[in-house]
ModelCIF file with pLDDT and N, C-alpha, C, O atoms, coordinates in Angstrom:
data_MODEL
#
_entry.id   MODEL 
#
_entity.id                         1 
_entity.type                       polymer 
_entity.pdbx_number_of_molecules   1 
#
_entity_poly.entity_id                      1 
_entity_poly.type                           'polypeptide(L)' 
_entity_poly.nstd_linkage                   no 
_entity_poly.nstd_monomer                   no 
_entity_poly.pdbx_seq_one_letter_code       EVIEVVSRHRDREVAADTDLVADLNLDSIDIAELVAEI 
_entity_poly.pdbx_seq_one_letter_code_can   EVIEVVSRHRDREVAADTDLVADLNLDSIDIAELVAEI 
_entity_poly.pdbx_strand_id                 A 
#
loop_
_entity_poly_seq.entity_id 
_entity_poly_seq.num 
_entity_poly_seq.mon_id 
_entity_poly_seq.hetero 
1 1  GLU n 
1 2  VAL n 
1 3  ILE n 
1 4  GLU n 
1 5  VAL n 
1 6  VAL n 
1 7  SER n 
1 8  ARG n 
1 9  HIS n 
1 10 ARG n 
1 11 ASP n 
1 12 ARG n 
1 13 GLU n 
1 14 VAL n 
1 15 ALA n 
1 16 ALA n 
1 17 ASP n 
1 18 THR n 
1 19 ASP n 
1 20 LEU n 
1 21 VAL n 
1 22 ALA n 
1 23 ASP n 
1 24 LEU n 
1 25 ASN n 
1 26 LEU n 
1 27 ASP n 
1 28 SER n 
1 29 ILE n 
1 30 ASP n 
1 31 ILE n 
1 32 ALA n 
1 33 GLU n 
1 34 LEU n 
1 35 VAL n 
1 36 ALA n 
1 37 GLU n 
1 38 ILE n 
#
_struct_asym.id          A 
_struct_asym.entity_id   1 
#
loop_
_ma_qa_metric.id 
_ma_qa_metric.mode 
_ma_qa_metric.name 
_ma_qa_metric.software_group_id 
_ma_qa_metric.type 
1 global pLDDT . pLDDT 
2 local  pLDDT . pLDDT 
#
_ma_qa_metric_global.metric_id      1 
_ma_qa_metric_global.metric_value   92.39 
_ma_qa_metric_global.model_id       1 
_ma_qa_metric_global.ordinal_id     1 
#
loop_
_ma_qa_metric_local.label_asym_id 
_ma_qa_metric_local.label_comp_id 
_ma_qa_metric_local.label_seq_id 
_ma_qa_metric_local.metric_id 
_ma_qa_metric_local.metric_value 
_ma_qa_metric_local.model_id 
_ma_qa_metric_local.ordinal_id 
A GLU 1  2 95.00 1 1  
A VAL 2  2 96.00 1 2  
A ILE 3  2 96.00 1 3  
A GLU 4  2 94.00 1 4  
A VAL 5  2 94.00 1 5  
A VAL 6  2 95.00 1 6  
A SER 7  2 94.00 1 7  
A ARG 8  2 89.00 1 8  
A HIS 9  2 80.00 1 9  
A ARG 10 2 80.00 1 10 
A ASP 11 2 79.00 1 11 
A ARG 12 2 83.00 1 12 
A GLU 13 2 91.00 1 13 
A VAL 14 2 96.00 1 14 
A ALA 15 2 97.00 1 15 
A ALA 16 2 97.00 1 16 
A ASP 17 2 97.00 1 17 
A THR 18 2 97.00 1 18 
A ASP 19 2 97.00 1 19 
A LEU 20 2 96.00 1 20 
A VAL 21 2 95.00 1 21 
A ALA 22 2 95.00 1 22 
A ASP 23 2 95.00 1 23 
A LEU 24 2 95.00 1 24 
A ASN 25 2 94.00 1 25 
A LEU 26 2 93.00 1 26 
A ASP 27 2 92.00 1 27 
A SER 28 2 88.00 1 28 
A ILE 29 2 91.00 1 29 
A ASP 30 2 92.00 1 30 
A ILE 31 2 90.00 1 31 
A ALA 32 2 89.00 1 32 
A GLU 33 2 92.00 1 33 
A LEU 34 2 93.00 1 34 
A VAL 35 2 92.00 1 35 
A ALA 36 2 93.00 1 36 
A GLU 37 2 94.00 1 37 
A ILE 38 2 95.00 1 38 
#
loop_
_atom_site.group_PDB 
_atom_site.id 
_atom_site.type_symbol 
_atom_site.label_atom_id 
_atom_site.label_alt_id 
_atom_site.label_comp_id 
_atom_site.label_asym_id 
_atom_site.label_entity_id 
_atom_site.label_seq_id 
_atom_site.pdbx_PDB_ins_code 
_atom_site.Cartn_x 
_atom_site.Cartn_y 
_atom_site.Cartn_z 
_atom_site.occupancy 
_atom_site.B_iso_or_equiv 
_atom_site.pdbx_formal_charge 
_atom_site.auth_seq_id 
_atom_site.auth_comp_id 
_atom_site.auth_asym_id 
_atom_site.auth_atom_id 
_atom_site.pdbx_PDB_model_num 
ATOM 1   N N  . GLU A 1 1  ? 16.064 -4.814  -5.561  1.00 95.00 ? 1  GLU A N  1 
ATOM 2   C CA . GLU A 1 1  ? 15.833 -3.389  -5.269  1.00 95.00 ? 1  GLU A CA 1 
ATOM 3   C C  . GLU A 1 1  ? 14.926 -2.754  -6.315  1.00 95.00 ? 1  GLU A C  1 
ATOM 4   O O  . GLU A 1 1  ? 14.056 -1.951  -5.979  1.00 95.00 ? 1  GLU A O  1 
ATOM 5   N N  . VAL A 1 2  ? 15.125 -3.111  -7.584  1.00 96.00 ? 2  VAL A N  1 
ATOM 6   C CA . VAL A 1 2  ? 14.268 -2.575  -8.649  1.00 96.00 ? 2  VAL A CA 1 
ATOM 7   C C  . VAL A 1 2  ? 12.833 -3.054  -8.431  1.00 96.00 ? 2  VAL A C  1 
ATOM 8   O O  . VAL A 1 2  ? 11.891 -2.270  -8.558  1.00 96.00 ? 2  VAL A O  1 
ATOM 9   N N  . ILE A 1 3  ? 12.664 -4.325  -8.107  1.00 96.00 ? 3  ILE A N  1 
ATOM 10  C CA . ILE A 1 3  ? 11.325 -4.858  -7.843  1.00 96.00 ? 3  ILE A CA 1 
ATOM 11  C C  . ILE A 1 3  ? 10.666 -4.099  -6.691  1.00 96.00 ? 3  ILE A C  1 
ATOM 12  O O  . ILE A 1 3  ? 9.479  -3.780  -6.751  1.00 96.00 ? 3  ILE A O  1 
ATOM 13  N N  . GLU A 1 4  ? 11.432 -3.815  -5.654  1.00 94.00 ? 4  GLU A N  1 
ATOM 14  C CA . GLU A 1 4  ? 10.903 -3.066  -4.509  1.00 94.00 ? 4  GLU A CA 1 
ATOM 15  C C  . GLU A 1 4  ? 10.413 -1.679  -4.924  1.00 94.00 ? 4  GLU A C  1 
ATOM 16  O O  . GLU A 1 4  ? 9.332  -1.252  -4.518  1.00 94.00 ? 4  GLU A O  1 
ATOM 17  N N  . VAL A 1 5  ? 11.206 -0.979  -5.730  1.00 94.00 ? 5  VAL A N  1 
ATOM 18  C CA . VAL A 1 5  ? 10.817 0.373   -6.171  1.00 94.00 ? 5  VAL A CA 1 
ATOM 19  C C  . VAL A 1 5  ? 9.583  0.307   -7.061  1.00 94.00 ? 5  VAL A C  1 
ATOM 20  O O  . VAL A 1 5  ? 8.661  1.108   -6.901  1.00 94.00 ? 5  VAL A O  1 
ATOM 21  N N  . VAL A 1 6  ? 9.556  -0.636  -7.994  1.00 95.00 ? 6  VAL A N  1 
ATOM 22  C CA . VAL A 1 6  ? 8.400  -0.763  -8.892  1.00 95.00 ? 6  VAL A CA 1 
ATOM 23  C C  . VAL A 1 6  ? 7.155  -1.122  -8.082  1.00 95.00 ? 6  VAL A C  1 
ATOM 24  O O  . VAL A 1 6  ? 6.072  -0.600  -8.345  1.00 95.00 ? 6  VAL A O  1 
ATOM 25  N N  . SER A 1 7  ? 7.303  -1.995  -7.112  1.00 94.00 ? 7  SER A N  1 
ATOM 26  C CA . SER A 1 7  ? 6.165  -2.390  -6.271  1.00 94.00 ? 7  SER A CA 1 
ATOM 27  C C  . SER A 1 7  ? 5.594  -1.192  -5.519  1.00 94.00 ? 7  SER A C  1 
ATOM 28  O O  . SER A 1 7  ? 4.377  -1.049  -5.396  1.00 94.00 ? 7  SER A O  1 
ATOM 29  N N  . ARG A 1 8  ? 6.472  -0.339  -5.022  1.00 89.00 ? 8  ARG A N  1 
ATOM 30  C CA . ARG A 1 8  ? 6.005  0.871   -4.320  1.00 89.00 ? 8  ARG A CA 1 
ATOM 31  C C  . ARG A 1 8  ? 5.287  1.810   -5.289  1.00 89.00 ? 8  ARG A C  1 
ATOM 32  O O  . ARG A 1 8  ? 4.304  2.459   -4.934  1.00 89.00 ? 8  ARG A O  1 
ATOM 33  N N  . HIS A 1 9  ? 5.795  1.866   -6.513  1.00 80.00 ? 9  HIS A N  1 
ATOM 34  C CA . HIS A 1 9  ? 5.215  2.764   -7.507  1.00 80.00 ? 9  HIS A CA 1 
ATOM 35  C C  . HIS A 1 9  ? 3.792  2.337   -7.879  1.00 80.00 ? 9  HIS A C  1 
ATOM 36  O O  . HIS A 1 9  ? 2.926  3.178   -8.118  1.00 80.00 ? 9  HIS A O  1 
ATOM 37  N N  . ARG A 1 10 ? 3.561  1.029   -7.924  1.00 80.00 ? 10 ARG A N  1 
ATOM 38  C CA . ARG A 1 10 ? 2.265  0.523   -8.341  1.00 80.00 ? 10 ARG A CA 1 
ATOM 39  C C  . ARG A 1 10 ? 1.542  -0.258  -7.255  1.00 80.00 ? 10 ARG A C  1 
ATOM 40  O O  . ARG A 1 10 ? 0.388  -0.643  -7.444  1.00 80.00 ? 10 ARG A O  1 
ATOM 41  N N  . ASP A 1 11 ? 2.187  -0.499  -6.135  1.00 79.00 ? 11 ASP A N  1 
ATOM 42  C CA . ASP A 1 11 ? 1.599  -1.221  -5.010  1.00 79.00 ? 11 ASP A CA 1 
ATOM 43  C C  . ASP A 1 11 ? 0.952  -2.531  -5.460  1.00 79.00 ? 11 ASP A C  1 
ATOM 44  O O  . ASP A 1 11 ? -0.197 -2.827  -5.133  1.00 79.00 ? 11 ASP A O  1 
ATOM 45  N N  . ARG A 1 12 ? 1.731  -3.307  -6.224  1.00 83.00 ? 12 ARG A N  1 
ATOM 46  C CA . ARG A 1 12 ? 1.296  -4.618  -6.694  1.00 83.00 ? 12 ARG A CA 1 
ATOM 47  C C  . ARG A 1 12 ? 2.449  -5.587  -6.573  1.00 83.00 ? 12 ARG A C  1 
ATOM 48  O O  . ARG A 1 12 ? 3.603  -5.187  -6.422  1.00 83.00 ? 12 ARG A O  1 
ATOM 49  N N  . GLU A 1 13 ? 2.123  -6.873  -6.641  1.00 91.00 ? 13 GLU A N  1 
ATOM 50  C CA . GLU A 1 13 ? 3.181  -7.877  -6.652  1.00 91.00 ? 13 GLU A CA 1 
ATOM 51  C C  . GLU A 1 13 ? 3.907  -7.791  -7.994  1.00 91.00 ? 13 GLU A C  1 
ATOM 52  O O  . GLU A 1 13 ? 3.280  -7.755  -9.052  1.00 91.00 ? 13 GLU A O  1 
ATOM 53  N N  . VAL A 1 14 ? 5.225  -7.760  -7.933  1.00 96.00 ? 14 VAL A N  1 
ATOM 54  C CA . VAL A 1 14 ? 6.047  -7.566  -9.122  1.00 96.00 ? 14 VAL A CA 1 
ATOM 55  C C  . VAL A 1 14 ? 7.149  -8.614  -9.140  1.00 96.00 ? 14 VAL A C  1 
ATOM 56  O O  . VAL A 1 14 ? 7.698  -8.969  -8.097  1.00 96.00 ? 14 VAL A O  1 
ATOM 57  N N  . ALA A 1 15 ? 7.469  -9.106  -10.335 1.00 97.00 ? 15 ALA A N  1 
ATOM 58  C CA . ALA A 1 15 ? 8.562  -10.063 -10.532 1.00 97.00 ? 15 ALA A CA 1 
ATOM 59  C C  . ALA A 1 15 ? 9.442  -9.554  -11.670 1.00 97.00 ? 15 ALA A C  1 
ATOM 60  O O  . ALA A 1 15 ? 9.124  -8.552  -12.311 1.00 97.00 ? 15 ALA A O  1 
ATOM 61  N N  . ALA A 1 16 ? 10.532 -10.241 -11.909 1.00 97.00 ? 16 ALA A N  1 
ATOM 62  C CA . ALA A 1 16 ? 11.469 -9.831  -12.961 1.00 97.00 ? 16 ALA A CA 1 
ATOM 63  C C  . ALA A 1 16 ? 10.793 -9.751  -14.327 1.00 97.00 ? 16 ALA A C  1 
ATOM 64  O O  . ALA A 1 16 ? 11.092 -8.856  -15.118 1.00 97.00 ? 16 ALA A O  1 
ATOM 65  N N  . ASP A 1 17 ? 9.888  -10.678 -14.603 1.00 97.00 ? 17 ASP A N  1 
ATOM 66  C CA . ASP A 1 17 ? 9.263  -10.724 -15.926 1.00 97.00 ? 17 ASP A CA 1 
ATOM 67  C C  . ASP A 1 17 ? 7.968  -9.919  -16.015 1.00 97.00 ? 17 ASP A C  1 
ATOM 68  O O  . ASP A 1 17 ? 7.248  -10.006 -17.010 1.00 97.00 ? 17 ASP A O  1 
ATOM 69  N N  . THR A 1 18 ? 7.673  -9.145  -14.986 1.00 97.00 ? 18 THR A N  1 
ATOM 70  C CA . THR A 1 18 ? 6.477  -8.302  -15.017 1.00 97.00 ? 18 THR A CA 1 
ATOM 71  C C  . THR A 1 18 ? 6.613  -7.270  -16.128 1.00 97.00 ? 18 THR A C  1 
ATOM 72  O O  . THR A 1 18 ? 7.579  -6.508  -16.169 1.00 97.00 ? 18 THR A O  1 
ATOM 73  N N  . ASP A 1 19 ? 5.632  -7.253  -17.030 1.00 97.00 ? 19 ASP A N  1 
ATOM 74  C CA . ASP A 1 19 ? 5.604  -6.302  -18.138 1.00 97.00 ? 19 ASP A CA 1 
ATOM 75  C C  . ASP A 1 19 ? 4.984  -5.000  -17.637 1.00 97.00 ? 19 ASP A C  1 
ATOM 76  O O  . ASP A 1 19 ? 3.888  -4.998  -17.077 1.00 97.00 ? 19 ASP A O  1 
ATOM 77  N N  . LEU A 1 20 ? 5.691  -3.904  -17.844 1.00 96.00 ? 20 LEU A N  1 
ATOM 78  C CA . LEU A 1 20 ? 5.248  -2.621  -17.316 1.00 96.00 ? 20 LEU A CA 1 
ATOM 79  C C  . LEU A 1 20 ? 3.922  -2.164  -17.915 1.00 96.00 ? 20 LEU A C  1 
ATOM 80  O O  . LEU A 1 20 ? 3.104  -1.555  -17.227 1.00 96.00 ? 20 LEU A O  1 
ATOM 81  N N  . VAL A 1 21 ? 3.712  -2.459  -19.194 1.00 95.00 ? 21 VAL A N  1 
ATOM 82  C CA . VAL A 1 21 ? 2.487  -2.029  -19.863 1.00 95.00 ? 21 VAL A CA 1 
ATOM 83  C C  . VAL A 1 21 ? 1.375  -3.059  -19.679 1.00 95.00 ? 21 VAL A C  1 
ATOM 84  O O  . VAL A 1 21 ? 0.292  -2.728  -19.197 1.00 95.00 ? 21 VAL A O  1 
ATOM 85  N N  . ALA A 1 22 ? 1.642  -4.299  -20.059 1.00 95.00 ? 22 ALA A N  1 
ATOM 86  C CA . ALA A 1 22 ? 0.608  -5.332  -20.039 1.00 95.00 ? 22 ALA A CA 1 
ATOM 87  C C  . ALA A 1 22 ? 0.179  -5.718  -18.628 1.00 95.00 ? 22 ALA A C  1 
ATOM 88  O O  . ALA A 1 22 ? -1.011 -5.894  -18.368 1.00 95.00 ? 22 ALA A O  1 
ATOM 89  N N  . ASP A 1 23 ? 1.141  -5.851  -17.716 1.00 95.00 ? 23 ASP A N  1 
ATOM 90  C CA . ASP A 1 23 ? 0.814  -6.318  -16.370 1.00 95.00 ? 23 ASP A CA 1 
ATOM 91  C C  . ASP A 1 23 ? 0.495  -5.197  -15.384 1.00 95.00 ? 23 ASP A C  1 
ATOM 92  O O  . ASP A 1 23 ? -0.349 -5.366  -14.504 1.00 95.00 ? 23 ASP A O  1 
ATOM 93  N N  . LEU A 1 24 ? 1.159  -4.065  -15.527 1.00 95.00 ? 24 LEU A N  1 
ATOM 94  C CA . LEU A 1 24 ? 0.960  -2.971  -14.573 1.00 95.00 ? 24 LEU A CA 1 
ATOM 95  C C  . LEU A 1 24 ? 0.154  -1.812  -15.138 1.00 95.00 ? 24 LEU A C  1 
ATOM 96  O O  . LEU A 1 24 ? -0.135 -0.845  -14.433 1.00 95.00 ? 24 LEU A O  1 
ATOM 97  N N  . ASN A 1 25 ? -0.210 -1.916  -16.423 1.00 94.00 ? 25 ASN A N  1 
ATOM 98  C CA . ASN A 1 25 ? -1.015 -0.878  -17.077 1.00 94.00 ? 25 ASN A CA 1 
ATOM 99  C C  . ASN A 1 25 ? -0.377 0.506   -17.023 1.00 94.00 ? 25 ASN A C  1 
ATOM 100 O O  . ASN A 1 25 ? -1.073 1.510   -16.870 1.00 94.00 ? 25 ASN A O  1 
ATOM 101 N N  . LEU A 1 26 ? 0.954  0.556   -17.149 1.00 93.00 ? 26 LEU A N  1 
ATOM 102 C CA . LEU A 1 26 ? 1.642  1.844   -17.158 1.00 93.00 ? 26 LEU A CA 1 
ATOM 103 C C  . LEU A 1 26 ? 1.602  2.436   -18.563 1.00 93.00 ? 26 LEU A C  1 
ATOM 104 O O  . LEU A 1 26 ? 1.793  1.723   -19.548 1.00 93.00 ? 26 LEU A O  1 
ATOM 105 N N  . ASP A 1 27 ? 1.357  3.727   -18.653 1.00 92.00 ? 27 ASP A N  1 
ATOM 106 C CA . ASP A 1 27 ? 1.472  4.412   -19.936 1.00 92.00 ? 27 ASP A CA 1 
ATOM 107 C C  . ASP A 1 27 ? 2.845  5.092   -19.987 1.00 92.00 ? 27 ASP A C  1 
ATOM 108 O O  . ASP A 1 27 ? 3.636  4.955   -19.054 1.00 92.00 ? 27 ASP A O  1 
ATOM 109 N N  . SER A 1 28 ? 3.126  5.813   -21.053 1.00 88.00 ? 28 SER A N  1 
ATOM 110 C CA . SER A 1 28 ? 4.458  6.391   -21.221 1.00 88.00 ? 28 SER A CA 1 
ATOM 111 C C  . SER A 1 28 ? 4.800  7.388   -20.111 1.00 88.00 ? 28 SER A C  1 
ATOM 112 O O  . SER A 1 28 ? 5.953  7.471   -19.688 1.00 88.00 ? 28 SER A O  1 
ATOM 113 N N  . ILE A 1 29 ? 3.829  8.127   -19.647 1.00 91.00 ? 29 ILE A N  1 
ATOM 114 C CA . ILE A 1 29 ? 4.088  9.076   -18.560 1.00 91.00 ? 29 ILE A CA 1 
ATOM 115 C C  . ILE A 1 29 ? 4.366  8.324   -17.258 1.00 91.00 ? 29 ILE A C  1 
ATOM 116 O O  . ILE A 1 29 ? 5.261  8.700   -16.500 1.00 91.00 ? 29 ILE A O  1 
ATOM 117 N N  . ASP A 1 30 ? 3.599  7.265   -16.998 1.00 92.00 ? 30 ASP A N  1 
ATOM 118 C CA . ASP A 1 30 ? 3.849  6.446   -15.810 1.00 92.00 ? 30 ASP A CA 1 
ATOM 119 C C  . ASP A 1 30 ? 5.255  5.853   -15.846 1.00 92.00 ? 30 ASP A C  1 
ATOM 120 O O  . ASP A 1 30 ? 5.948  5.824   -14.829 1.00 92.00 ? 30 ASP A O  1 
ATOM 121 N N  . ILE A 1 31 ? 5.673  5.381   -17.019 1.00 90.00 ? 31 ILE A N  1 
ATOM 122 C CA . ILE A 1 31 ? 7.010  4.791   -17.152 1.00 90.00 ? 31 ILE A CA 1 
ATOM 123 C C  . ILE A 1 31 ? 8.078  5.853   -16.917 1.00 90.00 ? 31 ILE A C  1 
ATOM 124 O O  . ILE A 1 31 ? 9.079  5.588   -16.251 1.00 90.00 ? 31 ILE A O  1 
ATOM 125 N N  . ALA A 1 32 ? 7.873  7.052   -17.457 1.00 89.00 ? 32 ALA A N  1 
ATOM 126 C CA . ALA A 1 32 ? 8.830  8.139   -17.227 1.00 89.00 ? 32 ALA A CA 1 
ATOM 127 C C  . ALA A 1 32 ? 8.914  8.476   -15.740 1.00 89.00 ? 32 ALA A C  1 
ATOM 128 O O  . ALA A 1 32 ? 10.006 8.721   -15.227 1.00 89.00 ? 32 ALA A O  1 
ATOM 129 N N  . GLU A 1 33 ? 7.778  8.494   -15.041 1.00 92.00 ? 33 GLU A N  1 
ATOM 130 C CA . GLU A 1 33 ? 7.773  8.755   -13.598 1.00 92.00 ? 33 GLU A CA 1 
ATOM 131 C C  . GLU A 1 33 ? 8.483  7.639   -12.841 1.00 92.00 ? 33 GLU A C  1 
ATOM 132 O O  . GLU A 1 33 ? 9.226  7.897   -11.894 1.00 92.00 ? 33 GLU A O  1 
ATOM 133 N N  . LEU A 1 34 ? 8.251  6.395   -13.262 1.00 93.00 ? 34 LEU A N  1 
ATOM 134 C CA . LEU A 1 34 ? 8.915  5.261   -12.629 1.00 93.00 ? 34 LEU A CA 1 
ATOM 135 C C  . LEU A 1 34 ? 10.420 5.337   -12.828 1.00 93.00 ? 34 LEU A C  1 
ATOM 136 O O  . LEU A 1 34 ? 11.187 5.103   -11.895 1.00 93.00 ? 34 LEU A O  1 
ATOM 137 N N  . VAL A 1 35 ? 10.842 5.662   -14.042 1.00 92.00 ? 35 VAL A N  1 
ATOM 138 C CA . VAL A 1 35 ? 12.278 5.787   -14.325 1.00 92.00 ? 35 VAL A CA 1 
ATOM 139 C C  . VAL A 1 35 ? 12.882 6.900   -13.463 1.00 92.00 ? 35 VAL A C  1 
ATOM 140 O O  . VAL A 1 35 ? 13.991 6.747   -12.949 1.00 92.00 ? 35 VAL A O  1 
ATOM 141 N N  . ALA A 1 36 ? 12.172 8.003   -13.301 1.00 93.00 ? 36 ALA A N  1 
ATOM 142 C CA . ALA A 1 36 ? 12.663 9.089   -12.439 1.00 93.00 ? 36 ALA A CA 1 
ATOM 143 C C  . ALA A 1 36 ? 12.810 8.603   -11.000 1.00 93.00 ? 36 ALA A C  1 
ATOM 144 O O  . ALA A 1 36 ? 13.773 8.956   -10.319 1.00 93.00 ? 36 ALA A O  1 
ATOM 145 N N  . GLU A 1 37 ? 11.864 7.799   -10.540 1.00 94.00 ? 37 GLU A N  1 
ATOM 146 C CA . GLU A 1 37 ? 11.948 7.254   -9.183  1.00 94.00 ? 37 GLU A CA 1 
ATOM 147 C C  . GLU A 1 37 ? 13.138 6.296   -9.064  1.00 94.00 ? 37 GLU A C  1 
ATOM 148 O O  . GLU A 1 37 ? 13.841 6.302   -8.053  1.00 94.00 ? 37 GLU A O  1 
ATOM 149 N N  . ILE A 1 38 ? 13.360 5.481   -10.085 1.00 95.00 ? 38 ILE A N  1 
ATOM 150 C CA . ILE A 1 38 ? 14.511 4.562   -10.110 1.00 95.00 ? 38 ILE A CA 1 
ATOM 151 C C  . ILE A 1 38 ? 15.813 5.374   -10.095 1.00 95.00 ? 38 ILE A C  1 
ATOM 152 O O  . ILE A 1 38 ? 16.900 4.797   -10.111 1.00 95.00 ? 38 ILE A O  1 
#
């Protein structure tokens, strides 16, 4: 379910070990928005 939500947030293939910063290029505001969505 978490992978599904993160995938919708970034519309990319996501796995358990996907790094939010390195792999998805999320900054602190993006992470805060993602956490709010979660």
